[in-house]
Amino acid sequence: MFDNKDYIEILRRLPTVFNAKDGVEALTPYYKAPLKALESLCRRGILMRLRRGHYALLDSFDPLVAANLIYGPSYISFETALAHYGLIPEATELYISVVDARPTEMQTPAGIYSYISQSRTLFALGRDLEITPDRALSIASREKALLDTIARANLRSVSAHPKDVLEYVIDGLRIEESDLKTLALRKLKQLAPLYRNLAPRKLVTALSERT
């Protein structure tokens, strides 16, 4: 008879977030009631049900990778990416992504997962892949994450002066000026015109005037 460790080793072969169908198929050769086994593992705190029909092993759960898998195609961006890069203070349990699909927001035991739709052209640019022995994470570049964030912020972008946008980035988002200098101005100039909001272009103007 299989114990918890056996179930965990079987399920660990699946993606970080897996659906009920894949979990059932993985357990079927070893258990007559695989769906009940999944529910039992949830009650014991071994599995977490992220949303209906989607599970994750708690001992190896990565909330950022989960964001890639719950809904997509998508990748981490906005304040979530900026916090990941250490550009702003650590964010709360709100994981924000851009998505090439309809926007949505999901309440899960791990936090709130928010997906913001972008044009296909903008979505396709500024996307990086972080690969380590433990995970592959799809995430916006630092430049794309910053422009996504200020484009979404409640700024009066039409009347704002470029210096006002820069002031918001430094004082509002609390990004150090030394970190701003490490961003690739070329990438910012490529991305900024693709936003309907004018704030990204005005930030590029302000940063260009400082170089």
C-alpha atoms as a PDB file:
ATOM      1  CA  MET A   1       0.000   0.000   0.000  1.00  0.00           C
ATOM      2  CA  PHE A   2       1.354   3.406  -0.927  1.00  0.00           C
ATOM      3  CA  ASP A   3       1.994   6.042   1.724  1.00  0.00           C
ATOM      4  CA  ASN A   4       2.257   9.821   1.416  1.00  0.00           C
ATOM      5  CA  LYS A   5       5.896   9.717   0.309  1.00  0.00           C
ATOM      6  CA  ASP A   6       5.000   7.432  -2.585  1.00  0.00           C
ATOM      7  CA  TYR A   7       2.231   9.759  -3.748  1.00  0.00           C
ATOM      8  CA  ILE A   8       4.518  12.775  -3.496  1.00  0.00           C
ATOM      9  CA  GLU A   9       7.246  11.164  -5.600  1.00  0.00           C
ATOM     10  CA  ILE A  10       4.710  10.269  -8.297  1.00  0.00           C
ATOM     11  CA  LEU A  11       3.180  13.756  -8.363  1.00  0.00           C
ATOM     12  CA  ARG A  12       6.581  15.416  -8.349  1.00  0.00           C
ATOM     13  CA  ARG A  13       7.042  14.156 -11.912  1.00  0.00           C
ATOM     14  CA  LEU A  14       4.239  16.503 -13.001  1.00  0.00           C
ATOM     15  CA  PRO A  15       4.546  20.290 -13.606  1.00  0.00           C
ATOM     16  CA  THR A  16       4.679  22.586 -10.558  1.00  0.00           C
ATOM     17  CA  VAL A  17       0.956  23.213 -11.028  1.00  0.00           C
ATOM     18  CA  PHE A  18      -0.969  20.291 -12.473  1.00  0.00           C
ATOM     19  CA  ASN A  19      -4.612  19.714 -13.295  1.00  0.00           C
ATOM     20  CA  ALA A  20      -6.828  16.996 -11.867  1.00  0.00           C
ATOM     21  CA  LYS A  21      -6.775  14.987 -15.107  1.00  0.00           C
ATOM     22  CA  ASP A  22      -2.964  14.697 -15.072  1.00  0.00           C
ATOM     23  CA  GLY A  23      -2.937  13.925 -11.343  1.00  0.00           C
ATOM     24  CA  VAL A  24      -5.512  11.185 -11.768  1.00  0.00           C
ATOM     25  CA  GLU A  25      -3.627   9.642 -14.692  1.00  0.00           C
ATOM     26  CA  ALA A  26      -0.376   9.654 -12.694  1.00  0.00           C
ATOM     27  CA  LEU A  27      -1.955   7.924  -9.682  1.00  0.00           C
ATOM     28  CA  THR A  28      -4.305   5.512 -11.504  1.00  0.00           C
ATOM     29  CA  PRO A  29      -1.764   2.640 -11.840  1.00  0.00           C
ATOM     30  CA  TYR A  30      -1.218   2.666  -8.064  1.00  0.00           C
ATOM     31  CA  TYR A  31      -4.578   3.643  -6.570  1.00  0.00           C
ATOM     32  CA  LYS A  32      -8.154   2.622  -7.341  1.00  0.00           C
ATOM     33  CA  ALA A  33      -9.616   6.015  -6.398  1.00  0.00           C
ATOM     34  CA  PRO A  34      -7.013   8.556  -7.579  1.00  0.00           C
ATOM     35  CA  LEU A  35      -9.293  11.589  -7.297  1.00  0.00           C
ATOM     36  CA  LYS A  36     -10.018  10.722  -3.670  1.00  0.00           C
ATOM     37  CA  ALA A  37      -6.267  10.400  -3.132  1.00  0.00           C
ATOM     38  CA  LEU A  38      -5.788  13.978  -4.400  1.00  0.00           C
ATOM     39  CA  GLU A  39      -8.499  15.251  -2.074  1.00  0.00           C
ATOM     40  CA  SER A  40      -6.971  13.342   0.843  1.00  0.00           C
ATOM     41  CA  LEU A  41      -3.553  14.873   0.159  1.00  0.00           C
ATOM     42  CA  CYS A  42      -5.169  18.315   0.202  1.00  0.00           C
ATOM     43  CA  ARG A  43      -6.759  17.650   3.594  1.00  0.00           C
ATOM     44  CA  ARG A  44      -3.398  16.509   4.964  1.00  0.00           C
ATOM     45  CA  GLY A  45      -1.663  19.678   3.818  1.00  0.00           C
ATOM     46  CA  ILE A  46       0.523  17.923   1.241  1.00  0.00           C
ATOM     47  CA  LEU A  47      -1.254  19.345  -1.788  1.00  0.00           C
ATOM     48  CA  MET A  48      -2.796  22.779  -2.229  1.00  0.00           C
ATOM     49  CA  ARG A  49      -5.812  23.301  -4.435  1.00  0.00           C
ATOM     50  CA  LEU A  50      -5.008  26.560  -6.203  1.00  0.00           C
ATOM     51  CA  ARG A  51      -8.244  26.755  -8.145  1.00  0.00           C
ATOM     52  CA  ARG A  52     -10.862  24.295  -9.240  1.00  0.00           C
ATOM     53  CA  GLY A  53      -9.110  21.307 -10.778  1.00  0.00           C
ATOM     54  CA  HIS A  54      -5.571  22.668 -10.268  1.00  0.00           C
ATOM     55  CA  TYR A  55      -3.162  21.448  -7.593  1.00  0.00           C
ATOM     56  CA  ALA A  56       0.388  22.076  -6.399  1.00  0.00           C
ATOM     57  CA  LEU A  57       2.722  20.295  -3.989  1.00  0.00           C
ATOM     58  CA  LEU A  58       3.204  22.546  -0.973  1.00  0.00           C
ATOM     59  CA  ASP A  59       6.820  21.561  -0.247  1.00  0.00           C
ATOM     60  CA  SER A  60       8.012  22.697  -3.688  1.00  0.00           C
ATOM     61  CA  PHE A  61       5.499  25.439  -4.416  1.00  0.00           C
ATOM     62  CA  ASP A  62       6.832  28.524  -6.216  1.00  0.00           C
ATOM     63  CA  PRO A  63       4.165  31.252  -6.503  1.00  0.00           C
ATOM     64  CA  LEU A  64       5.844  32.966  -9.459  1.00  0.00           C
ATOM     65  CA  VAL A  65       6.162  29.804 -11.536  1.00  0.00           C
ATOM     66  CA  ALA A  66       2.572  28.989 -10.585  1.00  0.00           C
ATOM     67  CA  ALA A  67       1.484  32.304 -12.103  1.00  0.00           C
ATOM     68  CA  ASN A  68       2.931  31.168 -15.455  1.00  0.00           C
ATOM     69  CA  LEU A  69       1.014  27.897 -15.302  1.00  0.00           C
ATOM     70  CA  ILE A  70      -2.377  28.855 -13.874  1.00  0.00           C
ATOM     71  CA  TYR A  71      -3.408  30.984 -16.858  1.00  0.00           C
ATOM     72  CA  GLY A  72      -1.723  31.855 -20.073  1.00  0.00           C
ATOM     73  CA  PRO A  73       0.176  32.359 -22.171  1.00  0.00           C
ATOM     74  CA  SER A  74       1.402  34.832 -19.570  1.00  0.00           C
ATOM     75  CA  TYR A  75       4.489  36.090 -17.796  1.00  0.00           C
ATOM     76  CA  ILE A  76       5.203  37.905 -14.533  1.00  0.00           C
ATOM     77  CA  SER A  77       5.454  41.697 -14.782  1.00  0.00           C
ATOM     78  CA  PHE A  78       4.491  44.975 -13.062  1.00  0.00           C
ATOM     79  CA  GLU A  79       5.344  45.415  -9.366  1.00  0.00           C
ATOM     80  CA  THR A  80       5.687  41.659  -8.944  1.00  0.00           C
ATOM     81  CA  ALA A  81       8.627  41.565 -11.373  1.00  0.00           C
ATOM     82  CA  LEU A  82      10.124  44.779  -9.967  1.00  0.00           C
ATOM     83  CA  ALA A  83      10.074  43.263  -6.475  1.00  0.00           C
ATOM     84  CA  HIS A  84      11.602  40.048  -7.809  1.00  0.00           C
ATOM     85  CA  TYR A  85      14.491  42.056  -9.253  1.00  0.00           C
ATOM     86  CA  GLY A  86      14.923  43.959  -5.994  1.00  0.00           C
ATOM     87  CA  LEU A  87      14.056  47.291  -7.597  1.00  0.00           C
ATOM     88  CA  ILE A  88      11.178  47.994  -5.198  1.00  0.00           C
ATOM     89  CA  PRO A  89      10.365  46.711  -1.700  1.00  0.00           C
ATOM     90  CA  GLU A  90       8.891  43.226  -1.546  1.00  0.00           C
ATOM     91  CA  ALA A  91       5.305  43.088  -2.774  1.00  0.00           C
ATOM     92  CA  THR A  92       2.340  41.594  -0.933  1.00  0.00           C
ATOM     93  CA  GLU A  93       0.694  38.341  -1.958  1.00  0.00           C
ATOM     94  CA  LEU A  94      -0.508  39.817  -5.247  1.00  0.00           C
ATOM     95  CA  TYR A  95       1.074  38.267  -8.319  1.00  0.00           C
ATOM     96  CA  ILE A  96       0.543  40.367 -11.447  1.00  0.00           C
ATOM     97  CA  SER A  97       1.194  39.083 -14.960  1.00  0.00           C
ATOM     98  CA  VAL A  98       0.586  40.196 -18.518  1.00  0.00           C
ATOM     99  CA  VAL A  99      -1.422  37.845 -20.657  1.00  0.00           C
ATOM    100  CA  ASP A 100      -2.141  37.350 -24.346  1.00  0.00           C
ATOM    101  CA  ALA A 101      -5.763  36.524 -23.576  1.00  0.00           C
ATOM    102  CA  ARG A 102      -8.728  37.947 -21.685  1.00  0.00           C
ATOM    103  CA  PRO A 103      -7.823  39.607 -18.364  1.00  0.00           C
ATOM    104  CA  THR A 104      -8.818  37.826 -15.191  1.00  0.00           C
ATOM    105  CA  GLU A 105      -8.145  37.718 -11.460  1.00  0.00           C
ATOM    106  CA  MET A 106      -8.128  34.647  -9.221  1.00  0.00           C
ATOM    107  CA  GLN A 107      -8.278  34.318  -5.456  1.00  0.00           C
ATOM    108  CA  THR A 108      -6.173  31.328  -4.330  1.00  0.00           C
ATOM    109  CA  PRO A 109      -4.820  30.069  -0.999  1.00  0.00           C
ATOM    110  CA  ALA A 110      -1.385  31.335  -2.131  1.00  0.00           C
ATOM    111  CA  GLY A 111      -2.574  34.873  -2.870  1.00  0.00           C
ATOM    112  CA  ILE A 112      -4.282  36.832  -5.622  1.00  0.00           C
ATOM    113  CA  TYR A 113      -3.254  36.153  -9.207  1.00  0.00           C
ATOM    114  CA  SER A 114      -4.050  39.041 -11.544  1.00  0.00           C
ATOM    115  CA  TYR A 115      -3.654  38.845 -15.329  1.00  0.00           C
ATOM    116  CA  ILE A 116      -3.685  42.054 -17.365  1.00  0.00           C
ATOM    117  CA  SER A 117      -4.210  41.863 -21.130  1.00  0.00           C
ATOM    118  CA  GLN A 118      -1.844  43.590 -23.550  1.00  0.00           C
ATOM    119  CA  SER A 119      -1.680  44.013 -27.300  1.00  0.00           C
ATOM    120  CA  ARG A 120       0.032  41.099 -28.986  1.00  0.00           C
ATOM    121  CA  THR A 121       2.929  43.298 -30.141  1.00  0.00           C
ATOM    122  CA  LEU A 122       3.604  44.661 -26.665  1.00  0.00           C
ATOM    123  CA  PHE A 123       3.121  41.260 -25.045  1.00  0.00           C
ATOM    124  CA  ALA A 124       5.715  39.713 -27.364  1.00  0.00           C
ATOM    125  CA  LEU A 125       8.477  42.159 -26.415  1.00  0.00           C
ATOM    126  CA  GLY A 126      10.463  42.457 -23.224  1.00  0.00           C
ATOM    127  CA  ARG A 127       9.931  38.883 -22.102  1.00  0.00           C
ATOM    128  CA  ASP A 128      12.767  36.969 -20.424  1.00  0.00           C
ATOM    129  CA  LEU A 129      13.176  33.386 -19.274  1.00  0.00           C
ATOM    130  CA  GLU A 130      15.020  32.705 -16.027  1.00  0.00           C
ATOM    131  CA  ILE A 131      16.280  29.145 -15.929  1.00  0.00           C
ATOM    132  CA  THR A 132      17.798  27.497 -12.863  1.00  0.00           C
ATOM    133  CA  PRO A 133      18.211  23.807 -11.955  1.00  0.00           C
ATOM    134  CA  ASP A 134      14.934  24.065 -10.027  1.00  0.00           C
ATOM    135  CA  ARG A 135      12.677  26.116 -12.265  1.00  0.00           C
ATOM    136  CA  ALA A 136      12.015  28.001 -15.481  1.00  0.00           C
ATOM    137  CA  LEU A 137      10.313  31.346 -14.915  1.00  0.00           C
ATOM    138  CA  SER A 138       8.799  33.491 -17.659  1.00  0.00           C
ATOM    139  CA  ILE A 139       9.118  37.114 -16.541  1.00  0.00           C
ATOM    140  CA  ALA A 140       9.286  40.605 -18.016  1.00  0.00           C
ATOM    141  CA  SER A 141      12.653  42.274 -18.344  1.00  0.00           C
ATOM    142  CA  ARG A 142      13.345  45.001 -15.809  1.00  0.00           C
ATOM    143  CA  GLU A 143      12.665  47.636 -18.464  1.00  0.00           C
ATOM    144  CA  LYS A 144       9.338  46.102 -19.527  1.00  0.00           C
ATOM    145  CA  ALA A 145       8.211  45.624 -15.917  1.00  0.00           C
ATOM    146  CA  LEU A 146       8.889  49.276 -15.120  1.00  0.00           C
ATOM    147  CA  LEU A 147       7.033  50.598 -18.165  1.00  0.00           C
ATOM    148  CA  ASP A 148       4.115  48.219 -17.521  1.00  0.00           C
ATOM    149  CA  THR A 149       3.906  49.540 -13.979  1.00  0.00           C
ATOM    150  CA  ILE A 150       3.880  53.244 -14.775  1.00  0.00           C
ATOM    151  CA  ALA A 151       1.493  52.735 -17.703  1.00  0.00           C
ATOM    152  CA  ARG A 152      -0.933  51.140 -15.251  1.00  0.00           C
ATOM    153  CA  ALA A 153      -0.418  53.720 -12.489  1.00  0.00           C
ATOM    154  CA  ASN A 154      -3.000  56.420 -11.896  1.00  0.00           C
ATOM    155  CA  LEU A 155      -0.923  59.215 -13.439  1.00  0.00           C
ATOM    156  CA  ARG A 156      -2.226  62.203 -15.382  1.00  0.00           C
ATOM    157  CA  SER A 157       0.000  61.163 -18.254  1.00  0.00           C
ATOM    158  CA  VAL A 158      -1.401  63.656 -20.777  1.00  0.00           C
ATOM    159  CA  SER A 159      -0.655  66.753 -18.683  1.00  0.00           C
ATOM    160  CA  ALA A 160       2.256  65.375 -16.640  1.00  0.00           C
ATOM    161  CA  HIS A 161       5.740  66.689 -17.274  1.00  0.00           C
ATOM    162  CA  PRO A 162       8.455  64.058 -17.897  1.00  0.00           C
ATOM    163  CA  LYS A 163      10.068  65.091 -14.611  1.00  0.00           C
ATOM    164  CA  ASP A 164       6.779  64.315 -12.809  1.00  0.00           C
ATOM    165  CA  VAL A 165       6.818  60.765 -14.148  1.00  0.00           C
ATOM    166  CA  LEU A 166      10.442  60.333 -13.097  1.00  0.00           C
ATOM    167  CA  GLU A 167       9.596  61.705  -9.664  1.00  0.00           C
ATOM    168  CA  TYR A 168       6.821  59.124  -9.340  1.00  0.00           C
ATOM    169  CA  VAL A 169       9.263  56.325 -10.187  1.00  0.00           C
ATOM    170  CA  ILE A 170      11.817  57.514  -7.617  1.00  0.00           C
ATOM    171  CA  ASP A 171       9.513  58.680  -4.815  1.00  0.00           C
ATOM    172  CA  GLY A 172       6.336  56.713  -5.500  1.00  0.00           C
ATOM    173  CA  LEU A 173       7.779  53.354  -6.505  1.00  0.00           C
ATOM    174  CA  ARG A 174      10.934  53.959  -4.451  1.00  0.00           C
ATOM    175  CA  ILE A 175      13.338  52.845  -7.166  1.00  0.00           C
ATOM    176  CA  GLU A 176      16.861  54.040  -6.470  1.00  0.00           C
ATOM    177  CA  GLU A 177      18.402  56.406  -9.003  1.00  0.00           C
ATOM    178  CA  SER A 178      21.456  54.142  -9.129  1.00  0.00           C
ATOM    179  CA  ASP A 179      19.206  51.272 -10.250  1.00  0.00           C
ATOM    180  CA  LEU A 180      17.573  53.420 -12.931  1.00  0.00           C
ATOM    181  CA  LYS A 181      21.009  54.039 -14.417  1.00  0.00           C
ATOM    182  CA  THR A 182      21.466  50.293 -14.926  1.00  0.00           C
ATOM    183  CA  LEU A 183      18.390  50.015 -17.173  1.00  0.00           C
ATOM    184  CA  ALA A 184      18.928  49.783 -20.924  1.00  0.00           C
ATOM    185  CA  LEU A 185      17.694  53.056 -22.425  1.00  0.00           C
ATOM    186  CA  ARG A 186      17.643  51.408 -25.853  1.00  0.00           C
ATOM    187  CA  LYS A 187      15.095  48.833 -24.633  1.00  0.00           C
ATOM    188  CA  LEU A 188      13.000  51.517 -22.972  1.00  0.00           C
ATOM    189  CA  LYS A 189      12.924  53.554 -26.205  1.00  0.00           C
ATOM    190  CA  GLN A 190      11.858  50.489 -28.171  1.00  0.00           C
ATOM    191  CA  LEU A 191       8.978  49.651 -25.829  1.00  0.00           C
ATOM    192  CA  ALA A 192       7.636  53.059 -24.767  1.00  0.00           C
ATOM    193  CA  PRO A 193       5.856  54.023 -28.050  1.00  0.00           C
ATOM    194  CA  LEU A 194       3.821  50.800 -27.939  1.00  0.00           C
ATOM    195  CA  TYR A 195       1.790  51.930 -24.908  1.00  0.00           C
ATOM    196  CA  ARG A 196      -1.369  53.991 -25.321  1.00  0.00           C
ATOM    197  CA  ASN A 197      -0.583  55.703 -22.032  1.00  0.00           C
ATOM    198  CA  LEU A 198       1.971  58.512 -22.435  1.00  0.00           C
ATOM    199  CA  ALA A 199       3.777  57.931 -19.130  1.00  0.00           C
ATOM    200  CA  PRO A 200       6.330  55.431 -20.565  1.00  0.00           C
ATOM    201  CA  ARG A 201       7.361  57.882 -23.299  1.00  0.00           C
ATOM    202  CA  LYS A 202       7.679  60.702 -20.816  1.00  0.00           C
ATOM    203  CA  LEU A 203       9.845  58.573 -18.538  1.00  0.00           C
ATOM    204  CA  VAL A 204      12.137  57.806 -21.482  1.00  0.00           C
ATOM    205  CA  THR A 205      12.340  61.546 -22.214  1.00  0.00           C
ATOM    206  CA  ALA A 206      13.262  62.305 -18.595  1.00  0.00           C
ATOM    207  CA  LEU A 207      15.888  59.566 -18.479  1.00  0.00           C
ATOM    208  CA  SER A 208      17.347  60.642 -21.835  1.00  0.00           C
ATOM    209  CA  GLU A 209      17.766  64.198 -20.560  1.00  0.00           C
ATOM    210  CA  ARG A 210      19.786  62.904 -17.611  1.00  0.00           C
ATOM    211  CA  THR A 211      22.333  60.968 -19.685  1.00  0.00           C
END
